């Protein structure tokens, strides 16, 4: 068995021992694959359930998501919010945002979600400082560092940042990184490692996540 095969088997095992998706979440993933061929861009069951656990354990009420795509992670986030919670999710692609909006309308938690179409950095810059409880970053990789800076600005003390794809298929380990996305992520990883304002732990969930707490 190759390392790739072993990883796939392990991921299936992890998913099999994680709480199942709702029918609506499954439907969205199926349509995402059919319409875009990129359902893998969604965070997946185990990572989604982990994110939900963080929201519930932290008591987060205002969550900001950078990168909606077709809305799978937004549905999971909204499903974990309290009745008075809110999710602000940012997406620049109108076509995938339209898919997301349809599923938000079908969801019993859709009223908690506000999707803002446009440049995410501009949206973040307009938000009040120290108001968000959790920021989830999963968008264009070259802008990760800018998103992280804004996340720390809008987060309250003790708030969390959850960054996806921080291993970028292992390419961040190369001695000479030529891939633009991998380079941006590796730079962000080093930036977070040196940042005295936060506590941090990197986890090997799917393509790697960085969990950060603002001191």
N, C-alpha and C. Protein backbone atom coordinates (compact mmCIF):
# COMPACT_ATOMS: atom_id res chain seq x y z
N UNK A 1 0.84 -1.20 0.00
CA UNK A 1 0.00 0.00 0.00
C UNK A 1 0.88 1.25 0.00
N UNK A 2 0.62 2.16 -0.93
CA UNK A 2 1.40 3.39 -1.00
C UNK A 2 0.99 4.33 0.13
N UNK A 3 1.79 5.37 0.35
CA UNK A 3 1.47 6.34 1.39
C UNK A 3 0.17 7.07 1.07
N UNK A 4 -0.05 7.34 -0.22
CA UNK A 4 -1.29 8.00 -0.63
C UNK A 4 -2.50 7.12 -0.35
N UNK A 5 -2.38 5.82 -0.67
CA UNK A 5 -3.48 4.89 -0.40
C UNK A 5 -3.74 4.78 1.10
N UNK A 6 -2.67 4.72 1.87
CA UNK A 6 -2.81 4.61 3.33
C UNK A 6 -3.52 5.84 3.90
N UNK A 7 -3.17 7.01 3.38
CA UNK A 7 -3.80 8.24 3.84
C UNK A 7 -5.28 8.24 3.51
N UNK A 8 -5.64 7.75 2.32
CA UNK A 8 -7.05 7.71 1.91
C UNK A 8 -7.84 6.75 2.79
N UNK A 9 -7.25 5.60 3.09
CA UNK A 9 -7.90 4.62 3.97
C UNK A 9 -8.10 5.20 5.36
N UNK A 10 -7.07 5.89 5.85
CA UNK A 10 -7.14 6.50 7.18
C UNK A 10 -8.22 7.57 7.23
N UNK A 11 -8.31 8.38 6.17
CA UNK A 11 -9.32 9.43 6.14
C UNK A 11 -10.72 8.84 6.12
N UNK A 12 -10.92 7.76 5.38
CA UNK A 12 -12.23 7.09 5.35
C UNK A 12 -12.57 6.53 6.73
N UNK A 13 -11.57 5.98 7.43
CA UNK A 13 -11.79 5.43 8.76
C UNK A 13 -12.21 6.54 9.73
N UNK A 14 -11.51 7.68 9.65
CA UNK A 14 -11.84 8.81 10.51
C UNK A 14 -13.26 9.30 10.23
N UNK A 15 -13.61 9.44 8.96
CA UNK A 15 -14.96 9.88 8.60
C UNK A 15 -16.02 8.89 9.10
N UNK A 16 -15.70 7.59 9.01
CA UNK A 16 -16.64 6.55 9.42
C UNK A 16 -16.91 6.59 10.91
N UNK A 17 -15.98 7.15 11.68
CA UNK A 17 -16.13 7.22 13.14
C UNK A 17 -16.45 8.64 13.60
N UNK A 18 -16.95 9.44 12.69
CA UNK A 18 -17.36 10.81 12.99
C UNK A 18 -18.85 10.93 12.70
N UNK A 19 -19.53 11.76 13.47
CA UNK A 19 -20.98 11.93 13.32
C UNK A 19 -21.35 12.23 11.87
N UNK A 20 -22.41 11.58 11.39
CA UNK A 20 -22.82 11.71 9.99
C UNK A 20 -23.28 13.12 9.64
N UNK A 21 -23.20 13.42 8.35
CA UNK A 21 -23.71 14.68 7.84
C UNK A 21 -25.23 14.62 7.74
N UNK A 22 -25.84 15.78 7.77
CA UNK A 22 -27.29 15.86 7.56
C UNK A 22 -27.59 15.62 6.08
N UNK A 23 -28.82 15.24 5.75
CA UNK A 23 -29.18 15.08 4.34
C UNK A 23 -28.92 16.33 3.51
N UNK A 24 -29.16 17.51 4.07
CA UNK A 24 -28.93 18.75 3.33
C UNK A 24 -27.43 18.95 3.06
N UNK A 25 -26.60 18.67 4.05
CA UNK A 25 -25.15 18.80 3.86
C UNK A 25 -24.65 17.82 2.80
N UNK A 26 -25.18 16.60 2.82
CA UNK A 26 -24.81 15.61 1.81
C UNK A 26 -25.27 16.06 0.42
N UNK A 27 -26.46 16.60 0.35
CA UNK A 27 -26.98 17.09 -0.93
C UNK A 27 -26.10 18.20 -1.49
N UNK A 28 -25.67 19.10 -0.63
CA UNK A 28 -24.81 20.21 -1.07
C UNK A 28 -23.47 19.70 -1.60
N UNK A 29 -22.87 18.75 -0.91
CA UNK A 29 -21.60 18.20 -1.39
C UNK A 29 -21.77 17.54 -2.76
N UNK A 30 -22.88 16.82 -2.93
CA UNK A 30 -23.14 16.15 -4.21
C UNK A 30 -23.31 17.17 -5.33
N UNK A 31 -24.06 18.23 -5.07
CA UNK A 31 -24.24 19.26 -6.09
C UNK A 31 -22.93 20.00 -6.37
N UNK A 32 -22.15 20.23 -5.33
CA UNK A 32 -20.86 20.89 -5.50
C UNK A 32 -19.97 20.10 -6.45
N UNK A 33 -19.95 18.79 -6.27
CA UNK A 33 -19.14 17.94 -7.14
C UNK A 33 -19.69 17.96 -8.56
N UNK A 34 -21.00 17.89 -8.69
CA UNK A 34 -21.62 17.87 -10.02
C UNK A 34 -21.40 19.18 -10.76
N UNK A 35 -21.54 20.31 -10.07
CA UNK A 35 -21.48 21.61 -10.73
C UNK A 35 -20.04 22.13 -10.88
N UNK A 36 -19.15 21.79 -9.94
CA UNK A 36 -17.81 22.37 -9.96
C UNK A 36 -16.69 21.34 -10.10
N UNK A 37 -16.98 20.08 -9.74
CA UNK A 37 -15.93 19.06 -9.73
C UNK A 37 -14.93 19.27 -8.61
N UNK A 38 -15.29 20.10 -7.64
CA UNK A 38 -14.34 20.47 -6.58
C UNK A 38 -14.95 20.33 -5.19
N UNK A 39 -15.69 19.28 -4.95
CA UNK A 39 -16.25 19.09 -3.61
C UNK A 39 -15.15 18.94 -2.57
N UNK A 40 -13.96 18.52 -3.03
CA UNK A 40 -12.82 18.39 -2.12
C UNK A 40 -12.43 19.74 -1.54
N UNK A 41 -12.80 20.83 -2.20
CA UNK A 41 -12.52 22.15 -1.65
C UNK A 41 -13.31 22.43 -0.38
N UNK A 42 -14.42 21.74 -0.21
CA UNK A 42 -15.18 21.87 1.04
C UNK A 42 -14.40 21.20 2.15
N UNK A 43 -14.65 21.60 3.38
CA UNK A 43 -13.78 21.15 4.47
C UNK A 43 -13.96 19.68 4.85
N UNK A 44 -15.04 19.05 4.46
CA UNK A 44 -15.21 17.64 4.77
C UNK A 44 -15.85 17.42 6.14
N UNK A 45 -16.25 16.18 6.36
CA UNK A 45 -17.03 15.85 7.55
C UNK A 45 -16.25 16.01 8.85
N UNK A 46 -15.08 15.40 8.95
CA UNK A 46 -14.34 15.41 10.21
C UNK A 46 -13.91 16.83 10.59
N UNK A 47 -13.40 17.56 9.61
CA UNK A 47 -12.97 18.93 9.91
C UNK A 47 -14.17 19.80 10.25
N UNK A 48 -15.27 19.59 9.55
CA UNK A 48 -16.48 20.35 9.85
C UNK A 48 -17.01 20.08 11.24
N UNK A 49 -17.04 18.82 11.63
CA UNK A 49 -17.50 18.48 12.97
C UNK A 49 -16.54 19.03 14.04
N UNK A 50 -15.25 19.03 13.74
CA UNK A 50 -14.27 19.61 14.67
C UNK A 50 -14.52 21.11 14.84
N UNK A 51 -14.79 21.78 13.74
CA UNK A 51 -15.08 23.21 13.80
C UNK A 51 -16.35 23.47 14.60
N UNK A 52 -17.36 22.63 14.40
CA UNK A 52 -18.58 22.77 15.20
C UNK A 52 -18.30 22.60 16.69
N UNK A 53 -17.45 21.63 17.02
CA UNK A 53 -17.11 21.39 18.42
C UNK A 53 -16.43 22.62 19.03
N UNK A 54 -15.54 23.25 18.26
CA UNK A 54 -14.85 24.45 18.74
C UNK A 54 -15.84 25.57 19.01
N UNK A 55 -16.80 25.73 18.12
CA UNK A 55 -17.79 26.79 18.29
C UNK A 55 -18.62 26.56 19.55
N UNK A 56 -19.04 25.32 19.74
CA UNK A 56 -19.86 25.02 20.92
C UNK A 56 -19.06 25.12 22.21
N UNK A 57 -17.84 24.62 22.21
CA UNK A 57 -17.02 24.67 23.42
C UNK A 57 -16.62 26.09 23.79
N UNK A 58 -16.36 26.92 22.78
CA UNK A 58 -15.92 28.29 23.04
C UNK A 58 -17.08 29.24 23.32
N UNK A 59 -18.30 28.81 22.99
CA UNK A 59 -19.45 29.68 23.17
C UNK A 59 -19.49 30.82 22.16
N UNK A 60 -18.86 30.63 21.01
CA UNK A 60 -18.81 31.68 19.98
C UNK A 60 -20.21 32.08 19.53
N UNK A 61 -20.41 33.39 19.38
CA UNK A 61 -21.69 33.90 18.89
C UNK A 61 -21.55 34.60 17.54
N UNK A 62 -20.44 35.31 17.35
CA UNK A 62 -20.19 35.94 16.06
C UNK A 62 -18.99 35.26 15.41
N UNK A 63 -19.25 34.58 14.30
CA UNK A 63 -18.21 33.90 13.54
C UNK A 63 -18.08 34.58 12.19
N UNK A 64 -16.85 34.76 11.75
CA UNK A 64 -16.56 35.34 10.44
C UNK A 64 -15.83 34.30 9.61
N UNK A 65 -16.35 34.04 8.41
CA UNK A 65 -15.75 33.07 7.52
C UNK A 65 -15.20 33.76 6.28
N UNK A 66 -13.94 33.50 5.97
CA UNK A 66 -13.31 34.06 4.78
C UNK A 66 -13.23 32.95 3.73
N UNK A 67 -14.13 33.00 2.77
CA UNK A 67 -14.20 31.96 1.74
C UNK A 67 -15.40 31.06 1.93
N UNK A 68 -16.52 31.40 1.30
CA UNK A 68 -17.76 30.63 1.44
C UNK A 68 -17.76 29.40 0.55
N UNK A 69 -17.24 29.54 -0.69
CA UNK A 69 -17.36 28.55 -1.76
C UNK A 69 -18.85 28.23 -1.90
N UNK A 70 -19.26 26.97 -1.91
CA UNK A 70 -20.69 26.65 -2.11
C UNK A 70 -21.47 26.57 -0.80
N UNK A 71 -20.83 26.88 0.32
CA UNK A 71 -21.57 27.04 1.56
C UNK A 71 -21.57 25.87 2.53
N UNK A 72 -20.78 24.81 2.25
CA UNK A 72 -20.80 23.65 3.14
C UNK A 72 -20.32 24.01 4.54
N UNK A 73 -19.17 24.67 4.64
CA UNK A 73 -18.66 25.01 5.97
C UNK A 73 -19.57 26.01 6.66
N UNK A 74 -20.19 26.92 5.90
CA UNK A 74 -21.12 27.88 6.50
C UNK A 74 -22.32 27.18 7.13
N UNK A 75 -22.85 26.17 6.43
CA UNK A 75 -23.96 25.40 7.00
C UNK A 75 -23.56 24.74 8.31
N UNK A 76 -22.35 24.19 8.35
CA UNK A 76 -21.90 23.51 9.56
C UNK A 76 -21.67 24.50 10.70
N UNK A 77 -21.09 25.65 10.37
CA UNK A 77 -20.87 26.68 11.38
C UNK A 77 -22.21 27.15 11.95
N UNK A 78 -23.15 27.49 11.06
CA UNK A 78 -24.45 27.98 11.52
C UNK A 78 -25.17 26.95 12.37
N UNK A 79 -24.99 25.67 12.04
CA UNK A 79 -25.63 24.61 12.80
C UNK A 79 -25.11 24.47 14.21
N UNK A 80 -23.95 25.04 14.49
CA UNK A 80 -23.36 24.96 15.83
C UNK A 80 -23.56 26.23 16.64
N UNK A 81 -24.06 27.28 16.01
CA UNK A 81 -24.23 28.56 16.70
C UNK A 81 -25.44 28.53 17.64
N UNK A 82 -25.40 29.33 18.71
CA UNK A 82 -26.59 29.47 19.56
C UNK A 82 -27.67 30.23 18.82
N UNK A 83 -28.86 30.28 19.39
CA UNK A 83 -30.00 30.90 18.72
C UNK A 83 -29.76 32.37 18.41
N UNK A 84 -28.93 33.04 19.22
CA UNK A 84 -28.64 34.46 18.98
C UNK A 84 -27.32 34.66 18.26
N UNK A 85 -26.77 33.58 17.68
CA UNK A 85 -25.49 33.67 16.99
C UNK A 85 -25.64 34.23 15.58
N UNK A 86 -24.47 34.60 15.00
CA UNK A 86 -24.44 35.12 13.64
C UNK A 86 -23.18 34.62 12.93
N UNK A 87 -23.32 34.37 11.64
CA UNK A 87 -22.18 34.05 10.79
C UNK A 87 -22.14 35.06 9.66
N UNK A 88 -21.01 35.74 9.52
CA UNK A 88 -20.75 36.59 8.36
C UNK A 88 -19.76 35.84 7.48
N UNK A 89 -20.16 35.51 6.26
CA UNK A 89 -19.31 34.73 5.37
C UNK A 89 -19.03 35.52 4.09
N UNK A 90 -17.79 35.49 3.63
CA UNK A 90 -17.33 36.33 2.52
C UNK A 90 -16.97 35.47 1.30
N UNK A 91 -17.47 35.88 0.14
CA UNK A 91 -17.18 35.14 -1.10
C UNK A 91 -17.11 36.12 -2.27
N UNK A 92 -16.13 35.92 -3.15
CA UNK A 92 -15.95 36.81 -4.28
C UNK A 92 -16.56 36.27 -5.57
N UNK A 93 -16.82 34.97 -5.63
CA UNK A 93 -17.33 34.32 -6.83
C UNK A 93 -18.86 34.24 -6.78
N UNK A 94 -19.51 35.00 -7.65
CA UNK A 94 -20.98 35.07 -7.62
C UNK A 94 -21.64 33.74 -7.95
N UNK A 95 -21.02 32.94 -8.80
CA UNK A 95 -21.63 31.67 -9.21
C UNK A 95 -21.70 30.68 -8.05
N UNK A 96 -20.61 30.51 -7.32
CA UNK A 96 -20.66 29.58 -6.19
C UNK A 96 -21.47 30.17 -5.04
N UNK A 97 -21.46 31.49 -4.92
CA UNK A 97 -22.26 32.14 -3.87
C UNK A 97 -23.76 31.89 -4.10
N UNK A 98 -24.16 31.82 -5.36
CA UNK A 98 -25.57 31.56 -5.67
C UNK A 98 -25.98 30.17 -5.20
N UNK A 99 -25.08 29.19 -5.36
CA UNK A 99 -25.36 27.85 -4.84
C UNK A 99 -25.50 27.90 -3.33
N UNK A 100 -24.56 28.59 -2.69
CA UNK A 100 -24.59 28.69 -1.23
C UNK A 100 -25.90 29.31 -0.74
N UNK A 101 -26.34 30.37 -1.38
CA UNK A 101 -27.57 31.06 -0.95
C UNK A 101 -28.79 30.13 -1.02
N UNK A 102 -28.85 29.31 -2.06
CA UNK A 102 -29.97 28.38 -2.18
C UNK A 102 -30.03 27.42 -1.01
N UNK A 103 -28.86 26.94 -0.60
CA UNK A 103 -28.83 25.99 0.51
C UNK A 103 -29.04 26.68 1.85
N UNK A 104 -28.62 27.91 1.97
CA UNK A 104 -28.91 28.66 3.20
C UNK A 104 -30.42 28.81 3.37
N UNK A 105 -31.12 29.04 2.27
CA UNK A 105 -32.58 29.19 2.32
C UNK A 105 -33.27 27.89 2.73
N UNK A 106 -32.66 26.76 2.40
CA UNK A 106 -33.22 25.46 2.77
C UNK A 106 -32.93 25.08 4.22
N UNK A 107 -31.90 25.67 4.78
CA UNK A 107 -31.43 25.26 6.11
C UNK A 107 -32.25 25.91 7.23
N UNK A 108 -32.50 25.19 8.32
CA UNK A 108 -33.18 25.80 9.47
C UNK A 108 -32.31 26.84 10.17
N UNK A 109 -31.02 26.88 9.81
CA UNK A 109 -30.10 27.85 10.42
C UNK A 109 -29.73 28.97 9.45
N UNK A 110 -30.36 28.97 8.28
CA UNK A 110 -29.99 29.94 7.26
C UNK A 110 -30.18 31.39 7.67
N UNK A 111 -31.13 31.64 8.57
CA UNK A 111 -31.38 33.01 9.02
C UNK A 111 -30.23 33.58 9.85
N UNK A 112 -29.32 32.70 10.29
CA UNK A 112 -28.16 33.15 11.07
C UNK A 112 -27.00 33.58 10.18
N UNK A 113 -27.13 33.33 8.87
CA UNK A 113 -26.01 33.55 7.95
C UNK A 113 -26.21 34.81 7.13
N UNK A 114 -25.16 35.63 7.07
CA UNK A 114 -25.14 36.77 6.17
C UNK A 114 -23.97 36.59 5.21
N UNK A 115 -24.27 36.41 3.93
CA UNK A 115 -23.24 36.24 2.91
C UNK A 115 -22.96 37.59 2.27
N UNK A 116 -21.70 38.01 2.30
CA UNK A 116 -21.29 39.27 1.67
C UNK A 116 -20.47 38.94 0.43
N UNK A 117 -20.97 39.36 -0.71
CA UNK A 117 -20.31 39.10 -1.98
C UNK A 117 -19.33 40.24 -2.28
N UNK A 118 -18.08 39.88 -2.52
CA UNK A 118 -17.08 40.90 -2.83
C UNK A 118 -15.73 40.53 -2.23
N UNK A 119 -14.81 41.47 -2.29
CA UNK A 119 -13.46 41.25 -1.79
C UNK A 119 -13.48 41.07 -0.27
N UNK A 120 -13.00 39.92 0.20
CA UNK A 120 -13.08 39.61 1.63
C UNK A 120 -12.23 40.56 2.46
N UNK A 121 -11.07 40.95 1.94
CA UNK A 121 -10.20 41.84 2.71
C UNK A 121 -10.90 43.17 2.99
N UNK A 122 -11.57 43.71 1.98
CA UNK A 122 -12.30 44.95 2.17
C UNK A 122 -13.41 44.79 3.19
N UNK A 123 -14.09 43.65 3.16
CA UNK A 123 -15.15 43.38 4.13
C UNK A 123 -14.59 43.33 5.55
N UNK A 124 -13.49 42.64 5.72
CA UNK A 124 -12.87 42.53 7.04
C UNK A 124 -12.43 43.89 7.56
N UNK A 125 -11.87 44.70 6.68
CA UNK A 125 -11.37 46.01 7.09
C UNK A 125 -12.48 46.93 7.57
N UNK A 126 -13.71 46.66 7.16
CA UNK A 126 -14.84 47.49 7.58
C UNK A 126 -15.44 47.03 8.90
N UNK A 127 -15.02 45.88 9.40
CA UNK A 127 -15.59 45.35 10.64
C UNK A 127 -14.98 46.02 11.86
N UNK A 128 -15.79 46.15 12.90
CA UNK A 128 -15.33 46.78 14.14
C UNK A 128 -14.29 45.90 14.83
N UNK A 129 -13.31 46.51 15.49
CA UNK A 129 -12.29 45.73 16.19
C UNK A 129 -12.85 45.02 17.42
N UNK A 130 -12.26 43.87 17.73
CA UNK A 130 -12.54 43.11 18.95
C UNK A 130 -14.02 42.81 19.14
N UNK A 131 -14.65 42.34 18.05
CA UNK A 131 -16.08 42.00 18.12
C UNK A 131 -16.36 40.54 17.78
N UNK A 132 -15.49 39.91 17.00
CA UNK A 132 -15.73 38.53 16.56
C UNK A 132 -15.22 37.53 17.59
N UNK A 133 -15.85 36.37 17.61
CA UNK A 133 -15.43 35.30 18.53
C UNK A 133 -14.55 34.26 17.84
N UNK A 134 -14.78 34.05 16.56
CA UNK A 134 -14.01 33.06 15.81
C UNK A 134 -13.94 33.48 14.35
N UNK A 135 -12.77 33.34 13.75
CA UNK A 135 -12.59 33.62 12.32
C UNK A 135 -12.06 32.36 11.66
N UNK A 136 -12.75 31.93 10.61
CA UNK A 136 -12.34 30.75 9.84
C UNK A 136 -11.81 31.22 8.49
N UNK A 137 -10.56 30.87 8.18
CA UNK A 137 -9.91 31.32 6.95
C UNK A 137 -9.71 30.14 6.02
N UNK A 138 -10.35 30.22 4.85
CA UNK A 138 -10.21 29.16 3.83
C UNK A 138 -10.53 29.77 2.47
N UNK A 139 -9.63 30.63 1.99
CA UNK A 139 -9.87 31.35 0.74
C UNK A 139 -8.58 31.36 -0.08
N UNK A 140 -8.37 32.39 -0.88
CA UNK A 140 -7.18 32.45 -1.73
C UNK A 140 -5.92 32.50 -0.87
N UNK A 141 -5.02 31.58 -1.12
CA UNK A 141 -3.86 31.37 -0.25
C UNK A 141 -2.88 32.55 -0.23
N UNK A 142 -2.61 33.22 -1.36
CA UNK A 142 -1.67 34.35 -1.30
C UNK A 142 -2.09 35.46 -0.35
N UNK A 143 -3.37 35.54 -0.03
CA UNK A 143 -3.86 36.60 0.87
C UNK A 143 -3.99 36.14 2.32
N UNK A 144 -3.57 34.93 2.62
CA UNK A 144 -3.74 34.39 3.97
C UNK A 144 -3.13 35.31 5.04
N UNK A 145 -1.95 35.83 4.79
CA UNK A 145 -1.30 36.69 5.78
C UNK A 145 -2.11 37.94 6.07
N UNK A 146 -2.71 38.53 5.05
CA UNK A 146 -3.54 39.72 5.22
C UNK A 146 -4.82 39.38 5.97
N UNK A 147 -5.40 38.23 5.65
CA UNK A 147 -6.60 37.82 6.36
C UNK A 147 -6.30 37.57 7.84
N UNK A 148 -5.15 36.97 8.12
CA UNK A 148 -4.78 36.71 9.50
C UNK A 148 -4.63 38.01 10.29
N UNK A 149 -3.98 39.01 9.69
CA UNK A 149 -3.82 40.29 10.37
C UNK A 149 -5.17 40.91 10.72
N UNK A 150 -6.10 40.86 9.78
CA UNK A 150 -7.43 41.41 10.03
C UNK A 150 -8.20 40.58 11.05
N UNK A 151 -7.98 39.25 11.02
CA UNK A 151 -8.65 38.39 11.99
C UNK A 151 -8.26 38.78 13.41
N UNK A 152 -6.97 39.01 13.64
CA UNK A 152 -6.53 39.40 14.98
C UNK A 152 -7.11 40.76 15.37
N UNK A 153 -7.28 41.63 14.42
CA UNK A 153 -7.83 42.96 14.72
C UNK A 153 -9.30 42.87 15.14
N UNK A 154 -10.07 42.04 14.45
CA UNK A 154 -11.51 42.01 14.75
C UNK A 154 -11.86 41.03 15.86
N UNK A 155 -10.93 40.18 16.28
CA UNK A 155 -11.21 39.21 17.33
C UNK A 155 -11.17 39.84 18.71
N UNK A 156 -12.07 39.41 19.56
CA UNK A 156 -12.00 39.76 20.97
C UNK A 156 -10.85 38.99 21.63
N UNK A 157 -10.45 39.41 22.80
CA UNK A 157 -9.46 38.67 23.56
C UNK A 157 -9.99 37.28 23.87
N UNK A 158 -9.19 36.26 23.62
CA UNK A 158 -9.62 34.88 23.81
C UNK A 158 -10.30 34.28 22.60
N UNK A 159 -10.49 35.09 21.55
CA UNK A 159 -11.12 34.60 20.34
C UNK A 159 -10.20 33.67 19.56
N UNK A 160 -10.78 32.92 18.62
CA UNK A 160 -10.05 31.88 17.90
C UNK A 160 -9.96 32.19 16.41
N UNK A 161 -8.82 31.79 15.83
CA UNK A 161 -8.66 31.77 14.38
C UNK A 161 -8.45 30.32 13.98
N UNK A 162 -9.16 29.89 12.95
CA UNK A 162 -9.06 28.52 12.45
C UNK A 162 -8.67 28.62 10.98
N UNK A 163 -7.45 28.21 10.65
CA UNK A 163 -6.92 28.37 9.29
C UNK A 163 -6.82 26.99 8.63
N UNK A 164 -7.38 26.87 7.42
CA UNK A 164 -7.39 25.60 6.71
C UNK A 164 -6.23 25.49 5.72
N UNK A 165 -5.88 24.25 5.36
CA UNK A 165 -4.90 23.94 4.30
C UNK A 165 -3.48 24.39 4.63
N UNK A 166 -3.08 24.34 5.90
CA UNK A 166 -1.77 24.88 6.26
C UNK A 166 -0.61 23.91 5.95
N UNK A 167 -0.90 22.72 5.44
CA UNK A 167 0.15 21.81 4.99
C UNK A 167 0.26 21.78 3.47
N UNK A 168 -0.79 22.21 2.79
CA UNK A 168 -0.85 22.29 1.33
C UNK A 168 -0.24 21.06 0.66
N UNK A 169 -0.82 19.91 0.98
CA UNK A 169 -0.43 18.63 0.39
C UNK A 169 1.05 18.32 0.63
N UNK A 170 1.58 18.81 1.73
CA UNK A 170 2.97 18.54 2.08
C UNK A 170 3.98 19.43 1.38
N UNK A 171 3.53 20.31 0.50
CA UNK A 171 4.47 21.13 -0.27
C UNK A 171 5.17 22.18 0.58
N UNK A 172 4.63 22.48 1.76
CA UNK A 172 5.29 23.45 2.65
C UNK A 172 6.58 22.87 3.23
N UNK A 173 6.77 21.54 3.08
CA UNK A 173 7.97 20.90 3.63
C UNK A 173 9.16 20.95 2.70
N UNK A 174 8.96 21.36 1.46
CA UNK A 174 10.04 21.36 0.47
C UNK A 174 11.14 22.34 0.89
N UNK A 175 12.39 21.97 0.61
CA UNK A 175 13.50 22.85 0.95
C UNK A 175 13.49 24.11 0.10
N UNK A 176 12.96 24.00 -1.12
CA UNK A 176 12.79 25.16 -1.99
C UNK A 176 11.36 25.13 -2.53
N UNK A 177 10.54 26.02 -2.01
CA UNK A 177 9.12 26.03 -2.36
C UNK A 177 8.90 26.90 -3.59
N UNK A 178 8.40 26.29 -4.66
CA UNK A 178 8.17 27.03 -5.90
C UNK A 178 6.69 27.31 -6.13
N UNK A 179 5.81 26.53 -5.51
CA UNK A 179 4.37 26.72 -5.66
C UNK A 179 3.93 27.99 -4.92
N UNK A 180 3.22 28.87 -5.61
CA UNK A 180 2.82 30.15 -5.02
C UNK A 180 1.96 29.97 -3.78
N UNK A 181 0.99 29.08 -3.85
CA UNK A 181 0.12 28.86 -2.70
C UNK A 181 0.88 28.29 -1.51
N UNK A 182 1.74 27.30 -1.79
CA UNK A 182 2.54 26.70 -0.72
C UNK A 182 3.47 27.72 -0.08
N UNK A 183 4.05 28.60 -0.91
CA UNK A 183 4.95 29.63 -0.38
C UNK A 183 4.20 30.58 0.55
N UNK A 184 3.00 31.00 0.14
CA UNK A 184 2.21 31.91 0.96
C UNK A 184 1.83 31.26 2.28
N UNK A 185 1.46 29.98 2.23
CA UNK A 185 1.06 29.27 3.44
C UNK A 185 2.26 29.06 4.36
N UNK A 186 3.41 28.67 3.78
CA UNK A 186 4.61 28.49 4.59
C UNK A 186 5.00 29.79 5.28
N UNK A 187 4.88 30.91 4.56
CA UNK A 187 5.19 32.21 5.16
C UNK A 187 4.24 32.52 6.32
N UNK A 188 2.95 32.21 6.11
CA UNK A 188 1.98 32.44 7.18
C UNK A 188 2.29 31.57 8.39
N UNK A 189 2.61 30.31 8.15
CA UNK A 189 2.92 29.39 9.26
C UNK A 189 4.07 29.92 10.11
N UNK A 190 5.10 30.43 9.45
CA UNK A 190 6.25 30.99 10.19
C UNK A 190 5.85 32.27 10.91
N UNK A 191 5.01 33.06 10.28
CA UNK A 191 4.54 34.30 10.90
C UNK A 191 3.76 34.01 12.19
N UNK A 192 2.86 33.04 12.13
CA UNK A 192 2.08 32.67 13.30
C UNK A 192 2.98 32.08 14.39
N UNK A 193 3.92 31.25 13.98
CA UNK A 193 4.85 30.63 14.94
C UNK A 193 5.58 31.68 15.77
N UNK A 194 5.91 32.82 15.16
CA UNK A 194 6.68 33.86 15.84
C UNK A 194 5.82 34.91 16.54
N UNK A 195 4.50 34.83 16.37
CA UNK A 195 3.61 35.87 16.87
C UNK A 195 3.35 35.68 18.37
N UNK A 196 3.85 36.60 19.18
CA UNK A 196 3.73 36.51 20.64
C UNK A 196 2.32 36.85 21.13
N UNK A 197 1.48 37.38 20.24
CA UNK A 197 0.13 37.79 20.65
C UNK A 197 -0.85 36.62 20.73
N UNK A 198 -0.42 35.45 20.27
CA UNK A 198 -1.35 34.32 20.17
C UNK A 198 -0.74 33.04 20.74
N UNK A 199 -1.66 32.15 21.16
CA UNK A 199 -1.30 30.75 21.42
C UNK A 199 -1.67 29.96 20.17
N UNK A 200 -0.93 28.91 19.87
CA UNK A 200 -1.20 28.22 18.62
C UNK A 200 -0.87 26.74 18.69
N UNK A 201 -1.63 25.96 17.88
CA UNK A 201 -1.34 24.53 17.72
C UNK A 201 -1.71 24.15 16.29
N UNK A 202 -0.80 23.45 15.61
CA UNK A 202 -1.07 22.96 14.26
C UNK A 202 -1.48 21.50 14.36
N UNK A 203 -2.54 21.16 13.62
CA UNK A 203 -3.10 19.82 13.67
C UNK A 203 -3.13 19.20 12.27
N UNK A 204 -2.95 17.89 12.20
CA UNK A 204 -2.89 17.20 10.92
C UNK A 204 -4.24 16.72 10.42
N UNK A 205 -5.28 17.49 10.63
CA UNK A 205 -6.61 17.15 10.13
C UNK A 205 -6.67 17.46 8.64
N UNK A 206 -7.03 16.46 7.83
CA UNK A 206 -7.08 16.60 6.37
C UNK A 206 -5.80 17.24 5.85
N UNK A 207 -5.89 18.45 5.29
CA UNK A 207 -4.70 19.09 4.72
C UNK A 207 -4.03 20.03 5.71
N UNK A 208 -4.28 19.81 6.98
CA UNK A 208 -3.65 20.60 8.03
C UNK A 208 -4.47 21.81 8.42
N UNK A 209 -4.63 22.04 9.72
CA UNK A 209 -5.32 23.23 10.23
C UNK A 209 -4.45 23.86 11.30
N UNK A 210 -4.54 25.17 11.39
CA UNK A 210 -3.84 25.91 12.43
C UNK A 210 -4.91 26.52 13.34
N UNK A 211 -4.88 26.14 14.61
CA UNK A 211 -5.82 26.67 15.59
C UNK A 211 -5.07 27.69 16.45
N UNK A 212 -5.58 28.91 16.48
CA UNK A 212 -4.88 30.03 17.12
C UNK A 212 -5.82 30.74 18.08
N UNK A 213 -5.32 31.08 19.26
CA UNK A 213 -6.12 31.80 20.25
C UNK A 213 -5.46 33.15 20.56
N UNK A 214 -6.22 34.20 20.45
CA UNK A 214 -5.71 35.53 20.74
C UNK A 214 -5.59 35.71 22.25
N UNK A 215 -4.42 36.07 22.72
CA UNK A 215 -4.19 36.24 24.16
C UNK A 215 -4.92 37.46 24.69
